Protein backbone atom coordinates (compact mmCIF):
# COMPACT_ATOMS: atom_id res chain seq x y z
CA MET A 1 -53.20 60.02 21.52
CA LYS A 2 -56.36 57.44 21.66
CA LEU A 3 -59.61 57.86 19.71
CA GLU A 4 -62.88 55.99 20.07
CA LEU A 5 -64.42 55.72 16.74
CA GLY A 6 -68.28 54.68 16.76
CA ASN A 7 -69.69 53.82 13.41
CA ILE A 8 -73.34 54.13 12.63
CA PHE A 9 -74.46 52.36 9.59
CA ILE A 10 -76.55 54.20 7.06
CA LYS A 11 -78.74 51.63 4.78
CA ASP A 12 -80.65 54.24 2.86
CA ILE A 13 -81.28 58.01 2.26
CA GLN A 14 -84.57 59.59 1.71
CA PHE A 15 -85.83 63.19 1.79
CA GLY A 16 -88.38 64.02 4.80
CA ASN A 17 -89.81 66.78 6.49
CA GLU A 18 -87.11 66.48 9.49
CA SER A 19 -83.55 65.77 9.30
CA LYS A 20 -82.94 62.44 11.68
CA ILE A 21 -81.55 59.15 11.70
CA GLU A 22 -83.73 56.32 12.28
CA ASP A 23 -83.76 52.49 11.98
CA GLY A 24 -80.22 53.02 9.93
CA VAL A 25 -82.47 55.59 7.68
CA LEU A 26 -80.98 59.04 7.06
CA TYR A 27 -83.82 61.42 6.19
CA VAL A 28 -82.64 64.82 4.92
CA ASN A 29 -84.78 67.90 4.92
CA GLU A 30 -83.97 69.18 1.67
CA GLU A 31 -84.70 72.80 2.43
CA ALA A 32 -82.48 73.10 5.35
CA VAL A 33 -79.61 71.64 3.82
CA LYS A 34 -80.09 74.09 0.67
CA GLU A 35 -80.47 77.13 3.04
CA LEU A 36 -77.17 75.86 4.44
CA VAL A 37 -75.33 76.05 1.23
CA LEU A 38 -76.75 79.22 0.10
CA GLU A 39 -75.34 80.96 2.90
CA ASP A 40 -72.44 81.56 0.20
CA GLU A 41 -73.55 84.61 -1.79
CA LYS A 42 -71.16 82.83 -4.56
CA ILE A 43 -73.25 79.96 -4.97
CA LYS A 44 -76.16 81.17 -7.18
CA SER A 45 -78.11 77.97 -6.79
CA VAL A 46 -78.05 74.49 -5.26
CA SER A 47 -79.94 71.11 -5.90
CA LEU A 48 -79.92 67.85 -4.00
CA ASP A 49 -80.16 64.26 -5.26
CA ILE A 50 -79.87 60.94 -3.93
CA ALA A 51 -77.89 58.14 -5.83
CA LYS A 52 -77.82 54.49 -4.51
CA PRO A 53 -75.80 51.31 -5.39
CA GLY A 54 -77.04 49.65 -8.07
CA GLU A 55 -79.14 52.54 -9.71
CA SER A 56 -78.71 53.63 -13.42
CA VAL A 57 -77.27 56.87 -12.33
CA ARG A 58 -74.19 58.86 -13.30
CA ILE A 59 -72.70 61.63 -11.16
CA THR A 60 -70.37 64.50 -13.03
CA PRO A 61 -68.57 66.20 -12.80
CA VAL A 62 -67.51 64.98 -9.38
CA LYS A 63 -65.78 67.35 -6.87
CA ASP A 64 -65.43 66.10 -3.71
CA VAL A 65 -66.86 63.20 -1.62
CA ILE A 66 -67.17 63.48 2.31
CA GLU A 67 -68.08 61.21 4.94
CA PRO A 68 -70.26 62.99 7.90
CA ARG A 69 -68.84 62.65 11.19
CA VAL A 70 -69.27 64.24 14.61
CA LYS A 71 -67.08 64.97 17.65
CA VAL A 72 -69.07 63.62 20.75
CA GLU A 73 -66.14 63.84 23.41
CA GLY A 74 -62.69 65.25 23.19
CA ARG A 75 -60.89 68.46 21.99
CA GLY A 76 -62.09 70.35 18.94
CA GLY A 77 -64.42 69.89 16.16
CA ILE A 78 -64.89 68.03 12.69
CA PHE A 79 -62.72 69.75 10.12
CA PRO A 80 -60.56 71.89 12.33
CA GLY A 81 -59.51 75.05 10.59
CA ILE A 82 -62.27 74.74 8.16
CA ILE A 83 -65.37 74.57 10.00
CA ALA A 84 -64.38 73.88 13.61
CA LYS A 85 -61.91 76.24 15.16
CA VAL A 86 -58.35 75.30 15.09
CA ASP A 87 -57.86 72.89 18.14
CA THR A 88 -56.00 69.58 18.05
CA VAL A 89 -58.14 66.70 17.35
CA GLY A 90 -57.75 62.94 17.20
CA SER A 91 -58.62 62.06 20.75
CA GLY A 92 -61.75 61.56 22.53
CA LYS A 93 -64.85 60.17 20.88
CA THR A 94 -66.10 60.25 17.24
CA TYR A 95 -69.11 59.08 15.55
CA ALA A 96 -68.92 58.53 11.59
CA LEU A 97 -72.22 57.78 9.18
CA LYS A 98 -70.75 54.98 7.45
CA GLY A 99 -72.32 53.41 4.00
CA MET A 100 -73.19 57.07 2.88
CA ALA A 101 -71.31 60.03 1.73
CA VAL A 102 -72.12 63.81 0.60
CA VAL A 103 -70.80 64.47 -3.14
CA THR A 104 -70.28 67.74 -4.53
CA ALA A 105 -70.95 68.26 -8.24
CA GLY A 106 -71.80 71.28 -10.53
CA LYS A 107 -70.23 73.35 -13.05
CA ILE A 108 -66.72 72.55 -13.93
CA VAL A 109 -63.86 74.27 -11.97
CA GLY A 110 -60.54 72.79 -13.61
CA PHE A 111 -60.46 70.23 -16.15
CA GLN A 112 -59.74 67.13 -13.85
CA GLU A 113 -62.95 66.49 -12.21
CA GLY A 114 -64.63 62.63 -12.58
CA ILE A 115 -67.45 60.37 -12.80
CA ILE A 116 -69.20 57.81 -10.31
CA ASP A 117 -71.41 55.43 -12.04
CA MET A 118 -73.52 53.58 -9.65
CA SER A 119 -73.82 50.61 -11.79
CA GLY A 120 -72.41 49.02 -14.75
CA PRO A 121 -68.76 48.62 -15.67
CA GLY A 122 -67.78 51.88 -14.43
CA ALA A 123 -68.94 51.25 -10.88
CA ASP A 124 -66.35 48.44 -10.49
CA TYR A 125 -63.85 50.96 -10.49
CA THR A 126 -65.02 53.27 -7.87
CA PRO A 127 -65.69 52.48 -4.26
CA PHE A 128 -68.10 55.42 -4.20
CA SER A 129 -70.69 53.36 -6.08
CA LYS A 130 -70.98 51.35 -3.08
CA LEU A 131 -72.16 54.11 -0.88
CA ASN A 132 -75.52 55.81 -0.57
CA ASN A 133 -74.96 59.27 -1.95
CA LEU A 134 -76.29 62.72 -1.06
CA VAL A 135 -75.22 64.78 -4.10
CA VAL A 136 -75.17 68.39 -3.72
CA VAL A 137 -75.24 70.13 -7.00
CA CYS A 138 -74.09 73.92 -6.75
CA GLU A 139 -74.19 76.59 -9.45
CA PRO A 140 -71.89 79.28 -9.20
CA VAL A 141 -72.94 82.83 -9.73
CA ASP A 142 -71.72 84.73 -13.01
CA ASP A 143 -68.18 85.57 -13.45
CA VAL A 144 -67.15 84.07 -10.11
CA LYS A 145 -63.37 83.25 -10.30
CA GLN A 146 -62.45 79.48 -10.38
CA HIS A 147 -60.74 79.39 -7.14
CA GLU A 148 -63.59 81.35 -5.22
CA TYR A 149 -65.86 78.65 -6.91
CA GLU A 150 -63.76 75.91 -5.77
CA LYS A 151 -63.73 77.29 -2.21
CA ALA A 152 -67.27 77.89 -2.11
CA VAL A 153 -68.49 74.36 -3.01
CA ARG A 154 -65.64 73.00 -1.05
CA ILE A 155 -67.16 74.68 2.10
CA ALA A 156 -70.68 73.79 1.20
CA GLY A 157 -69.69 70.16 1.09
CA PHE A 158 -68.04 70.18 4.66
CA LYS A 159 -71.05 72.29 6.12
CA VAL A 160 -73.44 69.64 4.78
CA ALA A 161 -71.49 66.88 6.18
CA VAL A 162 -71.15 68.49 9.39
CA TYR A 163 -74.85 69.13 9.59
CA LEU A 164 -75.72 65.30 8.85
CA GLY A 165 -72.90 64.27 11.37
CA GLU A 166 -74.86 66.38 14.25
CA LEU A 167 -77.84 64.24 13.69
CA ALA A 168 -75.55 61.06 15.35
CA ARG A 169 -74.70 63.06 18.20
CA GLU A 170 -77.18 61.36 20.63
CA LEU A 171 -77.12 57.71 18.65
CA THR A 172 -75.49 54.75 19.89
CA PRO A 173 -73.26 53.52 17.39
CA ASP A 174 -73.31 50.05 15.83
CA GLU A 175 -69.85 49.22 16.24
CA THR A 176 -66.84 50.68 17.81
CA HIS A 177 -62.81 50.96 17.45
CA VAL A 178 -60.21 52.39 19.49
CA TYR A 179 -57.13 53.72 17.78
CA GLU A 180 -54.23 54.69 19.94
CA THR A 181 -50.71 55.97 19.67
CA TYR A 182 -47.82 56.30 22.09
CA GLY A 183 -45.08 58.90 22.81
CA ILE A 184 -41.48 58.06 21.37
CA MET A 185 -40.22 56.47 24.85
CA GLU A 186 -43.47 54.76 25.86
CA GLY A 187 -43.86 52.96 22.68
CA LYS A 188 -40.08 51.65 22.98
CA GLU A 189 -41.09 50.36 26.16
CA LYS A 190 -44.27 49.13 25.14
CA PHE A 191 -43.13 47.29 22.18
CA PRO A 192 -39.57 46.64 22.47
CA ASP A 193 -39.33 44.00 20.07
CA LEU A 194 -41.70 45.23 17.28
CA PRO A 195 -40.36 47.41 14.38
CA ARG A 196 -41.02 50.68 14.39
CA VAL A 197 -43.06 51.77 11.38
CA GLY A 198 -44.05 55.16 10.17
CA TYR A 199 -46.46 56.38 7.30
CA VAL A 200 -45.03 59.20 5.25
CA GLN A 201 -48.17 60.78 3.10
CA MET A 202 -47.42 62.85 0.17
CA LEU A 203 -50.35 65.88 0.13
CA GLN A 204 -51.04 67.16 -3.69
CA SER A 205 -49.99 70.89 -3.16
CA GLN A 206 -48.91 72.32 -6.45
CA GLY A 207 -51.50 75.06 -6.64
CA LEU A 208 -53.64 76.21 -9.46
CA LEU A 209 -56.59 74.13 -8.03
CA HIS A 210 -54.30 71.39 -6.76
CA ASP A 211 -54.46 71.97 -3.05
CA THR A 212 -54.77 70.17 0.02
CA TYR A 213 -55.49 71.63 3.46
CA VAL A 214 -54.17 70.69 6.65
CA TYR A 215 -55.88 72.22 9.78
CA GLY A 216 -56.98 74.98 7.48
CA VAL A 217 -53.73 75.42 6.12
CA ASP A 218 -52.47 74.90 2.15
CA ALA A 219 -50.05 72.39 2.47
CA LYS A 220 -47.86 74.03 0.23
CA ARG A 221 -47.05 76.64 2.92
CA THR A 222 -45.74 74.22 5.39
CA LEU A 223 -42.73 72.09 5.71
CA SER A 224 -42.74 68.43 6.38
CA THR A 225 -44.26 67.59 10.03
CA ILE A 226 -45.51 65.06 12.20
CA ILE A 227 -49.52 64.06 13.38
CA SER A 228 -50.90 61.52 15.26
CA PRO A 229 -52.83 59.24 12.52
CA THR A 230 -55.89 59.49 14.53
CA GLU A 231 -56.17 63.30 14.03
CA VAL A 232 -57.10 62.49 10.13
CA MET A 233 -60.15 60.46 11.37
CA ASP A 234 -61.43 63.95 12.93
CA GLY A 235 -60.75 65.77 9.23
CA ALA A 236 -57.41 67.21 10.04
CA ILE A 237 -56.77 66.87 6.15
CA VAL A 238 -59.11 67.92 3.62
CA SER A 239 -59.18 67.73 -0.29
CA GLY A 240 -59.14 70.94 -2.06
CA ASN A 241 -57.67 69.67 -5.37
CA CYS A 242 -58.83 68.99 -8.76
CA VAL A 243 -56.13 66.37 -9.99
CA SER A 244 -57.00 63.47 -12.01
CA ALA A 245 -60.32 61.89 -10.70
CA CYS A 246 -58.74 58.56 -10.61
CA ASP A 247 -55.92 59.29 -8.31
CA LYS A 248 -56.98 62.44 -6.21
CA ASN A 249 -57.62 61.82 -2.62
CA PRO A 250 -61.39 63.28 -1.81
CA THR A 251 -61.95 64.01 1.65
CA TYR A 252 -63.64 60.88 2.36
CA VAL A 253 -60.27 59.02 1.60
CA HIS A 254 -58.36 61.23 3.96
CA GLU A 255 -60.84 60.23 6.76
CA ASN A 256 -60.69 56.54 5.97
CA ASN A 257 -57.02 56.49 4.96
CA PRO A 258 -56.67 52.45 4.38
CA VAL A 259 -52.73 52.76 5.01
CA VAL A 260 -53.73 54.29 8.37
CA HIS A 261 -56.20 51.73 9.27
CA ASP A 262 -54.22 48.85 8.01
CA LEU A 263 -51.35 50.01 9.84
CA PHE A 264 -53.61 50.37 13.09
CA GLU A 265 -54.62 46.73 12.66
CA GLN A 266 -51.01 45.59 12.96
CA HIS A 267 -50.28 47.99 15.76
CA GLY A 268 -49.09 46.18 18.81
CA LYS A 269 -48.91 43.03 16.87
CA THR A 270 -46.36 42.85 14.24
CA LEU A 271 -45.52 46.53 14.49
CA ASN A 272 -45.41 49.65 16.49
CA PHE A 273 -47.09 52.47 14.23
CA VAL A 274 -45.15 55.25 15.38
CA CYS A 275 -46.87 58.33 13.55
CA GLN A 276 -47.79 59.76 10.36
CA ILE A 277 -45.26 62.23 8.53
CA LEU A 278 -46.86 64.89 6.15
CA THR A 279 -45.03 66.27 3.45
CA ASN A 280 -46.13 68.16 0.33
CA GLU A 281 -45.80 68.02 -3.62
CA ASN A 282 -44.61 71.27 -4.62
CA VAL A 283 -43.56 72.54 -8.39
CA TYR A 284 -40.07 73.72 -8.10
CA LEU A 285 -37.01 71.75 -7.61
CA ALA A 286 -35.81 73.45 -4.30
CA ASP A 287 -39.20 73.04 -2.55
CA LYS A 288 -39.03 69.31 -3.54
CA MET A 289 -35.47 69.03 -2.42
CA ARG A 290 -36.35 70.75 0.92
CA SER A 291 -39.45 68.55 1.69
CA SER A 292 -37.81 65.31 0.91
CA ASP A 293 -34.88 66.43 3.06
CA TRP A 294 -37.11 67.07 6.02
CA THR A 295 -38.81 63.86 5.44
CA ALA A 296 -35.92 61.62 5.51
CA LYS A 297 -34.59 63.42 8.54
CA MET A 298 -37.64 62.99 10.45
CA CYS A 299 -37.48 59.34 9.58
CA ARG A 300 -33.89 59.17 10.92
CA PHE A 301 -34.48 61.18 14.25
CA LEU A 302 -37.65 58.94 15.25
CA ASP A 303 -35.54 55.89 14.47
CA LEU A 304 -37.76 54.50 12.13
CA ASP A 305 -37.37 50.71 10.86
CA ALA A 306 -39.49 51.35 8.04
CA VAL A 307 -42.05 53.32 6.19
CA ILE A 308 -44.85 53.20 3.55
CA VAL A 309 -44.92 56.46 1.15
CA SER A 310 -48.18 57.19 -0.81
CA GLN A 311 -48.32 59.56 -3.48
CA GLU A 312 -51.11 61.98 -5.02
CA GLY A 313 -51.58 62.79 -8.46
CA PHE A 314 -48.85 61.67 -11.31
CA GLY A 315 -46.04 63.25 -13.46
CA ASN A 316 -44.41 65.94 -11.45
CA PRO A 317 -45.18 64.66 -7.91
CA ASP A 318 -43.21 61.27 -9.27
CA THR A 319 -40.09 63.38 -8.66
CA ASP A 320 -41.18 63.83 -4.98
CA LEU A 321 -42.19 60.17 -4.62
CA ILE A 322 -38.50 59.17 -5.57
CA MET A 323 -36.79 61.71 -3.85
CA ASN A 324 -38.48 60.54 -0.78
CA CYS A 325 -37.72 57.09 -1.31
CA LYS A 326 -33.93 57.52 -2.12
CA LYS A 327 -33.32 59.66 0.77
CA ILE A 328 -35.20 57.71 3.32
CA GLU A 329 -33.63 54.50 2.40
CA ALA A 330 -30.23 56.16 2.53
CA GLU A 331 -30.82 56.95 6.45
CA GLY A 332 -31.34 53.19 6.48
CA VAL A 333 -35.10 52.98 6.78
CA LYS A 334 -36.71 50.57 4.51
CA THR A 335 -39.30 51.84 2.36
CA VAL A 336 -42.46 50.68 0.23
CA ILE A 337 -44.16 53.39 -2.31
CA ILE A 338 -47.70 53.34 -3.09
CA THR A 339 -48.32 55.03 -6.51
CA ASP A 340 -50.31 54.38 -10.06
CA GLU A 341 -49.23 54.13 -13.49
CA TYR A 342 -49.69 56.33 -16.52
CA ALA A 343 -48.01 53.49 -19.11
CA GLY A 344 -50.10 54.49 -22.05
CA ARG A 345 -53.14 52.71 -23.34
CA ASP A 346 -51.35 49.86 -24.34
CA GLY A 347 -49.56 49.69 -21.15
CA LYS A 348 -46.10 49.52 -22.57
CA SER A 349 -44.80 53.15 -21.83
CA GLN A 350 -42.78 54.04 -18.99
CA SER A 351 -45.26 53.88 -15.83
CA LEU A 352 -43.63 56.78 -13.71
CA ALA A 353 -41.88 60.19 -14.81
CA ASP A 354 -39.06 58.98 -12.29
CA ALA A 355 -37.27 56.01 -10.89
CA ASP A 356 -34.20 54.78 -9.07
CA PRO A 357 -32.93 51.23 -7.99
CA ALA A 358 -33.75 52.42 -4.42
CA ALA A 359 -37.45 52.01 -5.39
CA ASP A 360 -37.75 48.23 -5.03
CA ALA A 361 -40.89 47.67 -3.22
CA VAL A 362 -43.65 49.33 -5.00
CA VAL A 363 -47.22 48.88 -4.86
CA THR A 364 -49.53 50.07 -7.71
CA GLY A 365 -52.82 51.29 -8.06
CA GLY A 366 -53.40 50.60 -11.75
CA ASN A 367 -52.85 51.86 -15.15
CA ALA A 368 -54.87 55.14 -15.41
CA ASN A 369 -54.39 55.23 -19.22
CA GLN A 370 -56.82 51.93 -19.71
CA VAL A 371 -59.71 52.80 -21.66
CA ILE A 372 -63.17 51.73 -20.69
CA VAL A 373 -66.63 52.39 -22.47
CA LEU A 374 -69.11 53.46 -19.97
CA PRO A 375 -72.96 52.75 -20.97
CA LYS A 376 -75.67 55.27 -21.13
CA MET A 377 -77.42 55.95 -17.80
CA ASP A 378 -81.10 56.42 -17.20
CA LYS A 379 -80.19 59.54 -15.07
CA VAL A 380 -77.47 61.87 -15.07
CA ILE A 381 -76.85 63.96 -11.52
CA GLY A 382 -74.73 67.03 -12.56
CA THR A 383 -74.16 67.49 -16.37
CA LEU A 384 -72.23 65.77 -19.34
CA ASP A 385 -71.40 68.97 -20.89
CA TYR A 386 -67.61 68.34 -19.75
CA VAL A 387 -67.00 64.72 -20.33
CA ASN A 388 -65.31 65.10 -23.78
CA THR A 389 -62.80 67.82 -21.74
CA ILE A 390 -62.19 66.14 -18.30
CA ALA A 391 -58.75 64.33 -17.74
CA GLY A 392 -59.25 61.01 -19.09
CA GLY A 393 -61.62 62.17 -22.07
CA ASN A 394 -61.32 63.50 -25.46
CA GLU A 395 -63.38 65.62 -28.20
CA HIS A 396 -65.12 61.89 -28.94
CA SER A 397 -65.65 60.33 -25.78
CA LEU A 398 -69.35 61.35 -25.34
CA ARG A 399 -71.09 59.41 -28.37
CA GLU A 400 -74.31 59.75 -30.17
CA ASP A 401 -75.62 56.79 -28.39
CA GLY A 402 -75.11 58.06 -24.83
CA THR A 403 -72.19 55.81 -24.14
CA ILE A 404 -68.67 57.37 -23.10
CA GLU A 405 -65.38 56.21 -23.95
CA VAL A 406 -62.85 57.38 -21.56
CA GLU A 407 -59.72 56.26 -19.94
CA ILE A 408 -60.17 55.16 -16.27
CA GLN A 409 -58.44 58.33 -15.35
CA ALA A 410 -62.05 60.06 -15.45
CA ILE A 411 -63.19 57.79 -12.84
CA THR A 412 -63.02 59.13 -8.98
CA GLY A 413 -60.89 56.70 -7.06
CA ALA A 414 -60.08 54.28 -10.05
CA THR A 415 -56.36 54.15 -9.15
CA ASN A 416 -56.01 55.62 -5.83
CA GLU A 417 -52.55 55.80 -4.27
CA THR A 418 -53.58 55.08 -1.02
CA GLY A 419 -54.89 51.74 -1.91
CA PHE A 420 -58.77 52.98 -1.44
CA GLY A 421 -59.57 51.15 -4.73
CA TYR A 422 -59.97 47.91 -6.40
CA LEU A 423 -56.65 47.82 -8.62
CA SER A 424 -53.20 46.59 -8.43
CA ALA A 425 -50.85 44.40 -10.14
CA ARG A 426 -48.33 41.41 -9.37
């Protein structure tokens, strides 16, 4: 499968009478976007704001971060099964708006939504502080159920991202990258001497607002399966979960998964990037055993030499991570696992809820229990009403002087387990 990905760099966002992209500036018609969002009867009101790198701005509680894209040539459309019809994506030509994102925020859904600071020490922990962000703040109608509100805001974010992506359809990209994977036999013939490497991505699927969607299907309803890595670049995987902000994968991360991009960088040079294997993170032991069994079988059937396994979340999913690692290693396939740690504020507690000697090649995204004091910001987009109750906070987090003391668990993307962040350890 071959995808040509064209990048269009956005250096600024401004509100204007017409939505368009001109000389690297994204102009947004505020009323047109609001009308699009308010098509959902579960959203009572919506406001838009712009947050730029370096500004004294705090966005909270953050629900999702999305990069606008448009399918220019090839099958299907962006976010298949969600916005576009169900069709296999990942081939043809796609344009992406780089340097900006759509961020959804508003009244809290769960208790694990996060914070993005655009400046100060908190900005150093989140990659999203480096983007020009169009923030969509949604207020739900009264008495709406939590899962209904989550879905309404999730879909609103995707609709806005697709609307903005369409503005790039007739533009010429600033740069273009080509990504291509091959069939099993074709790949063997093309790269006979290169190790066959796969990527096992564990998708958060514990339910109760802990969901990820693949072509519109809740991942907990699926068995482990294989996709081409280019499919994620067209939005085949999207976030629908409220796990701790530090290690959740917003949709932006799925679209720009660094494991996928790093493996493509070495594809045909030092390795043969064969495929991406998707597996879920369920709650019950039988489901964990079934999914890890299927994942290990696939690695063996594909004659892989090695895989990278990435996790999403912590605690209960640590068991899935170690099960996958043990079983894949038992099939003779080398594994490297990517996780983060909850090692206590002093860093002295056990980092993972599970462990095994087979997990001898581990990359960490940092300790989520690390404490940080976030300075008061001149502007808050969203509300500070929930800072004391989000994961990583406590009843004393929001101080009288406007500063916030939290664990970095509360910062969106701080310890991301695909490596989409800045922390690690040796």
